[in-house]
Amino acid sequence: MPSGETVVQCSCGFEAAFDRLRDAREALAAHEEAGHDADWDIQQVAGGVEQAGEEAGVCGRPECTNEGSPLYRDDV
């Protein structure tokens, strides 16, 4: 498997690893727009991104949500 934080794989045989989420998202979108069955695996995100996601409650688990955080969203 390629090394990088995010791996994009496609039914056309394309497989690449990206260190920037934006680049991976663009590759994924290009293959999906072409009608391919593409998917990605985000293997690692920066610690601050992970913490912000937890505080915002994006995982949906109450035990990792901080309702007192300004990032908290109760509409997720």
N, C-alpha and C. Protein backbone atom coordinates (compact mmCIF):
# COMPACT_ATOMS: atom_id res chain seq x y z
N MET A 1 0.85 -1.17 0.00
CA MET A 1 0.00 0.00 0.00
C MET A 1 0.89 1.23 0.00
N PRO A 2 0.52 2.25 -0.75
CA PRO A 2 1.31 3.48 -0.77
C PRO A 2 1.35 4.11 0.62
N SER A 3 2.39 4.89 0.87
CA SER A 3 2.48 5.55 2.17
C SER A 3 2.00 6.98 2.05
N GLY A 4 1.34 7.44 3.08
CA GLY A 4 0.78 8.79 3.13
C GLY A 4 -0.35 8.78 4.12
N GLU A 5 -0.85 9.94 4.46
CA GLU A 5 -1.91 10.02 5.47
C GLU A 5 -3.26 9.58 4.93
N THR A 6 -3.50 9.75 3.63
CA THR A 6 -4.78 9.40 3.03
C THR A 6 -4.54 8.63 1.74
N VAL A 7 -5.17 7.47 1.62
CA VAL A 7 -5.01 6.63 0.44
C VAL A 7 -6.32 6.62 -0.35
N VAL A 8 -6.21 6.90 -1.65
CA VAL A 8 -7.35 6.86 -2.55
C VAL A 8 -7.21 5.63 -3.43
N GLN A 9 -8.27 4.84 -3.52
CA GLN A 9 -8.29 3.66 -4.36
C GLN A 9 -9.51 3.72 -5.27
N CYS A 10 -9.36 3.22 -6.49
CA CYS A 10 -10.44 3.30 -7.45
C CYS A 10 -10.58 1.98 -8.19
N SER A 11 -11.79 1.73 -8.67
CA SER A 11 -12.08 0.51 -9.42
C SER A 11 -11.29 0.42 -10.72
N CYS A 12 -10.76 1.54 -11.21
CA CYS A 12 -9.98 1.54 -12.45
C CYS A 12 -8.55 1.09 -12.22
N GLY A 13 -8.20 0.82 -10.96
CA GLY A 13 -6.85 0.38 -10.63
C GLY A 13 -5.98 1.49 -10.04
N PHE A 14 -6.49 2.69 -10.02
CA PHE A 14 -5.74 3.82 -9.44
C PHE A 14 -5.62 3.63 -7.94
N GLU A 15 -4.43 3.86 -7.43
CA GLU A 15 -4.19 3.85 -5.99
C GLU A 15 -3.04 4.81 -5.71
N ALA A 16 -3.27 5.77 -4.85
CA ALA A 16 -2.24 6.74 -4.51
C ALA A 16 -2.42 7.22 -3.09
N ALA A 17 -1.32 7.62 -2.49
CA ALA A 17 -1.33 8.15 -1.13
C ALA A 17 -1.02 9.64 -1.17
N PHE A 18 -1.67 10.37 -0.30
CA PHE A 18 -1.52 11.82 -0.27
C PHE A 18 -1.24 12.27 1.16
N ASP A 19 -0.37 13.24 1.29
CA ASP A 19 -0.09 13.83 2.59
C ASP A 19 -1.04 14.98 2.90
N ARG A 20 -1.68 15.52 1.86
CA ARG A 20 -2.63 16.62 2.04
C ARG A 20 -4.04 16.13 1.73
N LEU A 21 -4.95 16.36 2.63
CA LEU A 21 -6.33 15.92 2.47
C LEU A 21 -6.96 16.54 1.22
N ARG A 22 -6.63 17.79 0.95
CA ARG A 22 -7.18 18.46 -0.23
C ARG A 22 -6.81 17.71 -1.51
N ASP A 23 -5.56 17.29 -1.63
CA ASP A 23 -5.12 16.57 -2.83
C ASP A 23 -5.86 15.23 -2.96
N ALA A 24 -6.04 14.55 -1.85
CA ALA A 24 -6.77 13.27 -1.87
C ALA A 24 -8.22 13.49 -2.26
N ARG A 25 -8.83 14.52 -1.72
CA ARG A 25 -10.23 14.83 -2.02
C ARG A 25 -10.40 15.15 -3.51
N GLU A 26 -9.45 15.86 -4.10
CA GLU A 26 -9.51 16.19 -5.52
C GLU A 26 -9.37 14.93 -6.38
N ALA A 27 -8.48 14.03 -6.00
CA ALA A 27 -8.32 12.77 -6.75
C ALA A 27 -9.58 11.92 -6.65
N LEU A 28 -10.15 11.85 -5.46
CA LEU A 28 -11.38 11.10 -5.26
C LEU A 28 -12.50 11.66 -6.11
N ALA A 29 -12.66 12.98 -6.09
CA ALA A 29 -13.73 13.63 -6.85
C ALA A 29 -13.55 13.40 -8.35
N ALA A 30 -12.33 13.47 -8.83
CA ALA A 30 -12.08 13.28 -10.26
C ALA A 30 -12.50 11.88 -10.71
N HIS A 31 -12.21 10.88 -9.91
CA HIS A 31 -12.58 9.51 -10.27
C HIS A 31 -14.09 9.29 -10.15
N GLU A 32 -14.70 9.87 -9.14
CA GLU A 32 -16.15 9.74 -8.99
C GLU A 32 -16.87 10.45 -10.13
N GLU A 33 -16.38 11.61 -10.55
CA GLU A 33 -16.98 12.33 -11.67
C GLU A 33 -16.86 11.55 -12.97
N ALA A 34 -15.84 10.71 -13.07
CA ALA A 34 -15.65 9.88 -14.26
C ALA A 34 -16.52 8.63 -14.20
N GLY A 35 -17.31 8.49 -13.12
CA GLY A 35 -18.20 7.34 -12.99
C GLY A 35 -17.55 6.12 -12.37
N HIS A 36 -16.38 6.30 -11.81
CA HIS A 36 -15.67 5.19 -11.19
C HIS A 36 -16.15 4.98 -9.75
N ASP A 37 -15.87 3.80 -9.25
CA ASP A 37 -16.17 3.48 -7.85
C ASP A 37 -14.91 3.73 -7.04
N ALA A 38 -14.78 4.94 -6.50
CA ALA A 38 -13.58 5.34 -5.77
C ALA A 38 -13.89 5.46 -4.28
N ASP A 39 -12.86 5.27 -3.48
CA ASP A 39 -13.01 5.38 -2.03
C ASP A 39 -11.67 5.85 -1.47
N TRP A 40 -11.72 6.34 -0.25
CA TRP A 40 -10.48 6.74 0.40
C TRP A 40 -10.43 6.24 1.82
N ASP A 41 -9.21 6.15 2.33
CA ASP A 41 -8.97 5.72 3.70
C ASP A 41 -8.08 6.78 4.34
N ILE A 42 -8.66 7.52 5.27
CA ILE A 42 -7.90 8.54 5.98
C ILE A 42 -7.23 7.85 7.15
N GLN A 43 -5.91 7.65 7.04
CA GLN A 43 -5.18 6.88 8.03
C GLN A 43 -4.76 7.71 9.23
N GLN A 44 -4.59 9.01 9.02
CA GLN A 44 -4.11 9.86 10.11
C GLN A 44 -4.49 11.30 9.82
N VAL A 45 -4.87 12.01 10.84
CA VAL A 45 -5.09 13.46 10.74
C VAL A 45 -4.27 14.14 11.83
N ALA A 46 -4.03 15.40 11.66
CA ALA A 46 -3.27 16.16 12.66
C ALA A 46 -4.01 16.13 14.00
N GLY A 47 -3.27 16.16 15.08
CA GLY A 47 -3.86 16.11 16.42
C GLY A 47 -4.91 17.17 16.66
N GLY A 48 -4.68 18.37 16.17
CA GLY A 48 -5.64 19.46 16.34
C GLY A 48 -6.94 19.19 15.61
N VAL A 49 -6.85 18.57 14.44
CA VAL A 49 -8.06 18.24 13.68
C VAL A 49 -8.86 17.18 14.42
N GLU A 50 -8.17 16.19 14.95
CA GLU A 50 -8.85 15.14 15.71
C GLU A 50 -9.53 15.71 16.95
N GLN A 51 -8.83 16.57 17.67
CA GLN A 51 -9.40 17.17 18.87
C GLN A 51 -10.62 18.03 18.52
N ALA A 52 -10.52 18.82 17.46
CA ALA A 52 -11.64 19.68 17.06
C ALA A 52 -12.85 18.83 16.68
N GLY A 53 -12.62 17.73 16.00
CA GLY A 53 -13.72 16.84 15.63
C GLY A 53 -14.40 16.25 16.86
N GLU A 54 -13.60 15.85 17.82
CA GLU A 54 -14.15 15.31 19.06
C GLU A 54 -14.98 16.36 19.79
N GLU A 55 -14.43 17.56 19.90
CA GLU A 55 -15.14 18.62 20.60
C GLU A 55 -16.43 19.01 19.89
N ALA A 56 -16.42 18.90 18.57
CA ALA A 56 -17.62 19.25 17.81
C ALA A 56 -18.67 18.14 17.87
N GLY A 57 -18.28 16.97 18.33
CA GLY A 57 -19.23 15.87 18.46
C GLY A 57 -19.48 15.14 17.16
N VAL A 58 -18.54 15.22 16.21
CA VAL A 58 -18.78 14.62 14.89
C VAL A 58 -18.78 13.10 14.91
N CYS A 59 -18.19 12.49 15.93
CA CYS A 59 -18.17 11.02 15.97
C CYS A 59 -19.49 10.45 16.47
N GLY A 60 -20.28 11.30 17.13
CA GLY A 60 -21.59 10.85 17.60
C GLY A 60 -21.57 10.11 18.92
N ARG A 61 -20.41 9.92 19.50
CA ARG A 61 -20.32 9.23 20.79
C ARG A 61 -20.29 10.25 21.92
N PRO A 62 -21.23 10.17 22.85
CA PRO A 62 -21.28 11.16 23.95
C PRO A 62 -20.01 11.21 24.77
N GLU A 63 -19.31 10.09 24.92
CA GLU A 63 -18.13 10.07 25.78
C GLU A 63 -16.95 10.86 25.21
N CYS A 64 -16.98 11.21 23.93
CA CYS A 64 -15.88 12.00 23.37
C CYS A 64 -16.35 13.37 22.91
N THR A 65 -17.48 13.81 23.39
CA THR A 65 -18.03 15.10 23.00
C THR A 65 -17.91 16.08 24.15
N ASN A 66 -17.49 17.30 23.84
CA ASN A 66 -17.36 18.35 24.84
C ASN A 66 -18.44 19.40 24.55
N GLU A 67 -19.57 19.28 25.22
CA GLU A 67 -20.68 20.20 24.97
C GLU A 67 -20.35 21.63 25.36
N GLY A 68 -19.32 21.84 26.16
CA GLY A 68 -18.92 23.18 26.56
C GLY A 68 -18.00 23.85 25.55
N SER A 69 -17.58 23.13 24.56
CA SER A 69 -16.66 23.69 23.55
C SER A 69 -17.41 24.59 22.57
N PRO A 70 -16.77 25.65 22.12
CA PRO A 70 -17.41 26.49 21.09
C PRO A 70 -17.55 25.75 19.76
N LEU A 71 -16.88 24.63 19.62
CA LEU A 71 -16.97 23.83 18.39
C LEU A 71 -18.14 22.85 18.40
N TYR A 72 -18.74 22.67 19.55
CA TYR A 72 -19.81 21.67 19.69
C TYR A 72 -20.99 21.99 18.79
N ARG A 73 -21.45 20.94 18.09
CA ARG A 73 -22.64 21.07 17.24
C ARG A 73 -23.63 20.01 17.68
N ASP A 74 -24.80 20.43 18.06
CA ASP A 74 -25.80 19.46 18.51
C ASP A 74 -26.71 19.02 17.36
N ASP A 75 -26.44 19.50 16.15
CA ASP A 75 -27.26 19.11 15.00
C ASP A 75 -26.60 18.04 14.15
N VAL A 76 -25.55 17.42 14.66
CA VAL A 76 -24.82 16.39 13.91
C VAL A 76 -25.54 15.07 14.01
